[in-house]
PDB file of N, CA and C in Angstrom:
ATOM      1  N   MET A   1      17.732  -8.698 -32.830  1.00  0.00           N
ATOM      2  CA  MET A   1      17.823 -10.135 -32.582  1.00  0.00           C
ATOM      3  C   MET A   1      18.883 -10.779 -33.482  1.00  0.00           C
ATOM      4  N   GLU A   2      18.922 -10.370 -34.733  1.00  0.00           N
ATOM      5  CA  GLU A   2      19.883 -10.956 -35.662  1.00  0.00           C
ATOM      6  C   GLU A   2      21.316 -10.706 -35.203  1.00  0.00           C
ATOM      7  N   ASP A   3      21.630  -9.495 -34.719  1.00  0.00           N
ATOM      8  CA  ASP A   3      22.976  -9.207 -34.231  1.00  0.00           C
ATOM      9  C   ASP A   3      23.329 -10.098 -33.037  1.00  0.00           C
ATOM     10  N   ARG A   4      22.394 -10.282 -32.138  1.00  0.00           N
ATOM     11  CA  ARG A   4      22.645 -11.165 -30.981  1.00  0.00           C
ATOM     12  C   ARG A   4      22.921 -12.582 -31.429  1.00  0.00           C
ATOM     13  N   ARG A   5      22.166 -13.046 -32.418  1.00  0.00           N
ATOM     14  CA  ARG A   5      22.357 -14.409 -32.914  1.00  0.00           C
ATOM     15  C   ARG A   5      23.729 -14.549 -33.558  1.00  0.00           C
ATOM     16  N   LEU A   6      24.120 -13.598 -34.369  1.00  0.00           N
ATOM     17  CA  LEU A   6      25.434 -13.643 -35.009  1.00  0.00           C
ATOM     18  C   LEU A   6      26.550 -13.559 -33.981  1.00  0.00           C
ATOM     19  N   ASN A   7      26.381 -12.711 -32.967  1.00  0.00           N
ATOM     20  CA  ASN A   7      27.382 -12.619 -31.900  1.00  0.00           C
ATOM     21  C   ASN A   7      27.505 -13.939 -31.153  1.00  0.00           C
ATOM     22  N   ALA A   8      26.378 -14.590 -30.899  1.00  0.00           N
ATOM     23  CA  ALA A   8      26.408 -15.875 -30.200  1.00  0.00           C
ATOM     24  C   ALA A   8      27.088 -16.946 -31.057  1.00  0.00           C
ATOM     25  N   LEU A   9      26.763 -16.987 -32.336  1.00  0.00           N
ATOM     26  CA  LEU A   9      27.410 -17.950 -33.231  1.00  0.00           C
ATOM     27  C   LEU A   9      28.908 -17.712 -33.311  1.00  0.00           C
ATOM     28  N   ASP A  10      29.300 -16.455 -33.400  1.00  0.00           N
ATOM     29  CA  ASP A  10      30.722 -16.124 -33.440  1.00  0.00           C
ATOM     30  C   ASP A  10      31.418 -16.565 -32.151  1.00  0.00           C
ATOM     31  N   ALA A  11      30.770 -16.357 -31.020  1.00  0.00           N
ATOM     32  CA  ALA A  11      31.350 -16.764 -29.734  1.00  0.00           C
ATOM     33  C   ALA A  11      31.515 -18.284 -29.670  1.00  0.00           C
ATOM     34  N   VAL A  12      30.551 -19.021 -30.179  1.00  0.00           N
ATOM     35  CA  VAL A  12      30.639 -20.486 -30.185  1.00  0.00           C
ATOM     36  C   VAL A  12      31.805 -20.943 -31.048  1.00  0.00           C
ATOM     37  N   VAL A  13      31.927 -20.356 -32.240  1.00  0.00           N
ATOM     38  CA  VAL A  13      33.021 -20.729 -33.134  1.00  0.00           C
ATOM     39  C   VAL A  13      34.368 -20.390 -32.504  1.00  0.00           C
ATOM     40  N   ARG A  14      34.481 -19.209 -31.908  1.00  0.00           N
ATOM     41  CA  ARG A  14      35.738 -18.839 -31.246  1.00  0.00           C
ATOM     42  C   ARG A  14      36.073 -19.816 -30.127  1.00  0.00           C
ATOM     43  N   ALA A  15      35.081 -20.172 -29.328  1.00  0.00           N
ATOM     44  CA  ALA A  15      35.317 -21.096 -28.213  1.00  0.00           C
ATOM     45  C   ALA A  15      35.773 -22.465 -28.717  1.00  0.00           C
ATOM     46  N   TRP A  16      35.265 -22.877 -29.856  1.00  0.00           N
ATOM     47  CA  TRP A  16      35.619 -24.189 -30.401  1.00  0.00           C
ATOM     48  C   TRP A  16      37.003 -24.167 -31.042  1.00  0.00           C
ATOM     49  N   LEU A  17      37.442 -22.983 -31.507  1.00  0.00           N
ATOM     50  CA  LEU A  17      38.691 -22.899 -32.260  1.00  0.00           C
ATOM     51  C   LEU A  17      39.881 -22.342 -31.490  1.00  0.00           C
ATOM     52  N   GLU A  18      39.657 -21.383 -30.609  1.00  0.00           N
ATOM     53  CA  GLU A  18      40.779 -20.687 -29.975  1.00  0.00           C
ATOM     54  C   GLU A  18      41.483 -21.576 -28.966  1.00  0.00           C
ATOM     55  N   THR A  19      42.783 -21.689 -29.144  1.00  0.00           N
ATOM     56  CA  THR A  19      43.553 -22.591 -28.298  1.00  0.00           C
ATOM     57  C   THR A  19      44.058 -21.937 -27.022  1.00  0.00           C
ATOM     58  N   GLY A  20      44.096 -20.619 -26.979  1.00  0.00           N
ATOM     59  CA  GLY A  20      44.653 -19.962 -25.811  1.00  0.00           C
ATOM     60  C   GLY A  20      46.124 -20.305 -25.690  1.00  0.00           C
ATOM     61  N   SER A  21      46.600 -20.418 -24.477  1.00  0.00           N
ATOM     62  CA  SER A  21      48.019 -20.674 -24.267  1.00  0.00           C
ATOM     63  C   SER A  21      48.359 -22.167 -24.254  1.00  0.00           C
ATOM     64  N   ASP A  22      47.341 -23.039 -24.318  1.00  0.00           N
ATOM     65  CA  ASP A  22      47.587 -24.479 -24.228  1.00  0.00           C
ATOM     66  C   ASP A  22      46.788 -25.237 -25.282  1.00  0.00           C
ATOM     67  N   PRO A  23      47.342 -25.363 -26.496  1.00  0.00           N
ATOM     68  CA  PRO A  23      46.627 -26.076 -27.561  1.00  0.00           C
ATOM     69  C   PRO A  23      46.302 -27.530 -27.199  1.00  0.00           C
ATOM     70  N   ASP A  24      47.148 -28.151 -26.382  1.00  0.00           N
ATOM     71  CA  ASP A  24      46.880 -29.535 -25.980  1.00  0.00           C
ATOM     72  C   ASP A  24      45.610 -29.632 -25.145  1.00  0.00           C
ATOM     73  N   TYR A  25      45.363 -28.625 -24.309  1.00  0.00           N
ATOM     74  CA  TYR A  25      44.148 -28.609 -23.497  1.00  0.00           C
ATOM     75  C   TYR A  25      42.920 -28.585 -24.407  1.00  0.00           C
ATOM     76  N   LEU A  26      42.944 -27.712 -25.421  1.00  0.00           N
ATOM     77  CA  LEU A  26      41.809 -27.626 -26.344  1.00  0.00           C
ATOM     78  C   LEU A  26      41.611 -28.961 -27.057  1.00  0.00           C
ATOM     79  N   ALA A  27      42.686 -29.584 -27.493  1.00  0.00           N
ATOM     80  CA  ALA A  27      42.578 -30.875 -28.172  1.00  0.00           C
ATOM     81  C   ALA A  27      41.952 -31.923 -27.243  1.00  0.00           C
ATOM     82  N   ARG A  28      42.357 -31.931 -25.981  1.00  0.00           N
ATOM     83  CA  ARG A  28      41.774 -32.882 -25.021  1.00  0.00           C
ATOM     84  C   ARG A  28      40.288 -32.603 -24.817  1.00  0.00           C
ATOM     85  N   GLN A  29      39.931 -31.341 -24.747  1.00  0.00           N
ATOM     86  CA  GLN A  29      38.519 -30.990 -24.567  1.00  0.00           C
ATOM     87  C   GLN A  29      37.703 -31.388 -25.796  1.00  0.00           C
ATOM     88  N   HIS A  30      38.264 -31.183 -26.985  1.00  0.00           N
ATOM     89  CA  HIS A  30      37.579 -31.630 -28.203  1.00  0.00           C
ATOM     90  C   HIS A  30      37.363 -33.140 -28.153  1.00  0.00           C
ATOM     91  N   ASP A  31      38.384 -33.878 -27.735  1.00  0.00           N
ATOM     92  CA  ASP A  31      38.258 -35.331 -27.632  1.00  0.00           C
ATOM     93  C   ASP A  31      37.157 -35.715 -26.646  1.00  0.00           C
ATOM     94  N   THR A  32      37.086 -34.985 -25.539  1.00  0.00           N
ATOM     95  CA  THR A  32      36.049 -35.249 -24.538  1.00  0.00           C
ATOM     96  C   THR A  32      34.660 -35.016 -25.116  1.00  0.00           C
ATOM     97  N   VAL A  33      34.490 -33.890 -25.805  1.00  0.00           N
ATOM     98  CA  VAL A  33      33.187 -33.581 -26.413  1.00  0.00           C
ATOM     99  C   VAL A  33      32.856 -34.613 -27.484  1.00  0.00           C
ATOM    100  N   ARG A  34      33.836 -34.961 -28.309  1.00  0.00           N
ATOM    101  CA  ARG A  34      33.594 -35.937 -29.382  1.00  0.00           C
ATOM    102  C   ARG A  34      33.167 -37.293 -28.812  1.00  0.00           C
ATOM    103  N   ALA A  35      33.758 -37.692 -27.690  1.00  0.00           N
ATOM    104  CA  ALA A  35      33.395 -38.973 -27.076  1.00  0.00           C
ATOM    105  C   ALA A  35      32.026 -38.909 -26.414  1.00  0.00           C
ATOM    106  N   ALA A  36      31.756 -37.831 -25.707  1.00  0.00           N
ATOM    107  CA  ALA A  36      30.517 -37.724 -24.939  1.00  0.00           C
ATOM    108  C   ALA A  36      29.326 -37.298 -25.790  1.00  0.00           C
ATOM    109  N   MET A  37      29.584 -36.442 -26.771  1.00  0.00           N
ATOM    110  CA  MET A  37      28.497 -35.868 -27.570  1.00  0.00           C
ATOM    111  C   MET A  37      28.949 -35.719 -29.027  1.00  0.00           C
ATOM    112  N   PRO A  38      29.064 -36.823 -29.737  1.00  0.00           N
ATOM    113  CA  PRO A  38      29.577 -36.765 -31.101  1.00  0.00           C
ATOM    114  C   PRO A  38      28.725 -35.910 -32.039  1.00  0.00           C
ATOM    115  N   THR A  39      27.428 -35.904 -31.836  1.00  0.00           N
ATOM    116  CA  THR A  39      26.571 -35.083 -32.691  1.00  0.00           C
ATOM    117  C   THR A  39      26.870 -33.604 -32.482  1.00  0.00           C
ATOM    118  N   LEU A  40      27.087 -33.192 -31.249  1.00  0.00           N
ATOM    119  CA  LEU A  40      27.438 -31.806 -30.962  1.00  0.00           C
ATOM    120  C   LEU A  40      28.778 -31.456 -31.593  1.00  0.00           C
ATOM    121  N   ALA A  41      29.756 -32.328 -31.466  1.00  0.00           N
ATOM    122  CA  ALA A  41      31.072 -32.068 -32.045  1.00  0.00           C
ATOM    123  C   ALA A  41      30.977 -31.903 -33.559  1.00  0.00           C
ATOM    124  N   ARG A  42      30.208 -32.769 -34.221  1.00  0.00           N
ATOM    125  CA  ARG A  42      30.038 -32.638 -35.678  1.00  0.00           C
ATOM    126  C   ARG A  42      29.339 -31.331 -36.026  1.00  0.00           C
ATOM    127  N   ALA A  43      28.352 -30.964 -35.231  1.00  0.00           N
ATOM    128  CA  ALA A  43      27.640 -29.712 -35.482  1.00  0.00           C
ATOM    129  C   ALA A  43      28.569 -28.511 -35.317  1.00  0.00           C
ATOM    130  N   LEU A  44      29.426 -28.548 -34.317  1.00  0.00           N
ATOM    131  CA  LEU A  44      30.389 -27.466 -34.125  1.00  0.00           C
ATOM    132  C   LEU A  44      31.369 -27.392 -35.289  1.00  0.00           C
ATOM    133  N   ASP A  45      31.854 -28.539 -35.736  1.00  0.00           N
ATOM    134  CA  ASP A  45      32.743 -28.563 -36.897  1.00  0.00           C
ATOM    135  C   ASP A  45      32.039 -27.997 -38.131  1.00  0.00           C
ATOM    136  N   ASP A  46      30.789 -28.407 -38.351  1.00  0.00           N
ATOM    137  CA  ASP A  46      30.027 -27.903 -39.496  1.00  0.00           C
ATOM    138  C   ASP A  46      29.793 -26.405 -39.387  1.00  0.00           C
ATOM    139  N   LEU A  47      29.525 -25.928 -38.182  1.00  0.00           N
ATOM    140  CA  LEU A  47      29.307 -24.498 -37.971  1.00  0.00           C
ATOM    141  C   LEU A  47      30.558 -23.699 -38.306  1.00  0.00           C
ATOM    142  N   VAL A  48      31.701 -24.208 -37.900  1.00  0.00           N
ATOM    143  CA  VAL A  48      32.963 -23.543 -38.221  1.00  0.00           C
ATOM    144  C   VAL A  48      33.130 -23.435 -39.729  1.00  0.00           C
ATOM    145  N   VAL A  49      32.896 -24.524 -40.429  1.00  0.00           N
ATOM    146  CA  VAL A  49      33.040 -24.510 -41.883  1.00  0.00           C
ATOM    147  C   VAL A  49      32.062 -23.525 -42.499  1.00  0.00           C
ATOM    148  N   GLU A  50      30.837 -23.544 -42.037  1.00  0.00           N
ATOM    149  CA  GLU A  50      29.807 -22.661 -42.598  1.00  0.00           C
ATOM    150  C   GLU A  50      30.086 -21.189 -42.351  1.00  0.00           C
ATOM    151  N   LEU A  51      30.478 -20.842 -41.133  1.00  0.00           N
ATOM    152  CA  LEU A  51      30.639 -19.432 -40.780  1.00  0.00           C
ATOM    153  C   LEU A  51      32.019 -18.875 -41.099  1.00  0.00           C
ATOM    154  N   LYS A  52      33.022 -19.709 -41.031  1.00  0.00           N
ATOM    155  CA  LYS A  52      34.384 -19.218 -41.219  1.00  0.00           C
ATOM    156  C   LYS A  52      35.026 -19.699 -42.503  1.00  0.00           C
ATOM    157  N   GLY A  53      34.400 -20.659 -43.168  1.00  0.00           N
ATOM    158  CA  GLY A  53      34.952 -21.148 -44.414  1.00  0.00           C
ATOM    159  C   GLY A  53      36.227 -21.940 -44.244  1.00  0.00           C
ATOM    160  N   GLY A  54      36.437 -22.492 -43.075  1.00  0.00           N
ATOM    161  CA  GLY A  54      37.646 -23.270 -42.810  1.00  0.00           C
ATOM    162  C   GLY A  54      37.343 -24.398 -41.870  1.00  0.00           C
ATOM    163  N   GLY A  55      38.374 -24.988 -41.345  1.00  0.00           N
ATOM    164  CA  GLY A  55      38.222 -26.075 -40.393  1.00  0.00           C
ATOM    165  C   GLY A  55      39.059 -25.812 -39.182  1.00  0.00           C
ATOM    166  N   ARG A  56      39.260 -26.850 -38.398  1.00  0.00           N
ATOM    167  CA  ARG A  56      40.067 -26.705 -37.186  1.00  0.00           C
ATOM    168  C   ARG A  56      41.509 -26.597 -37.525  1.00  0.00           C
TER     169      ARG A  56
END
């Protein structure tokens, strides 16, 4: 169970951080999430800091 949880957390952090071929698209999506669900966006930012020791 612990491995699955860590894999899921890693996938969430990657999805929040990886820009793919269009960094502007990711920025727009972040803006959308921040506007629609600010608590979720803050939680994702906090998760990145906690698990990766960095920010966006």
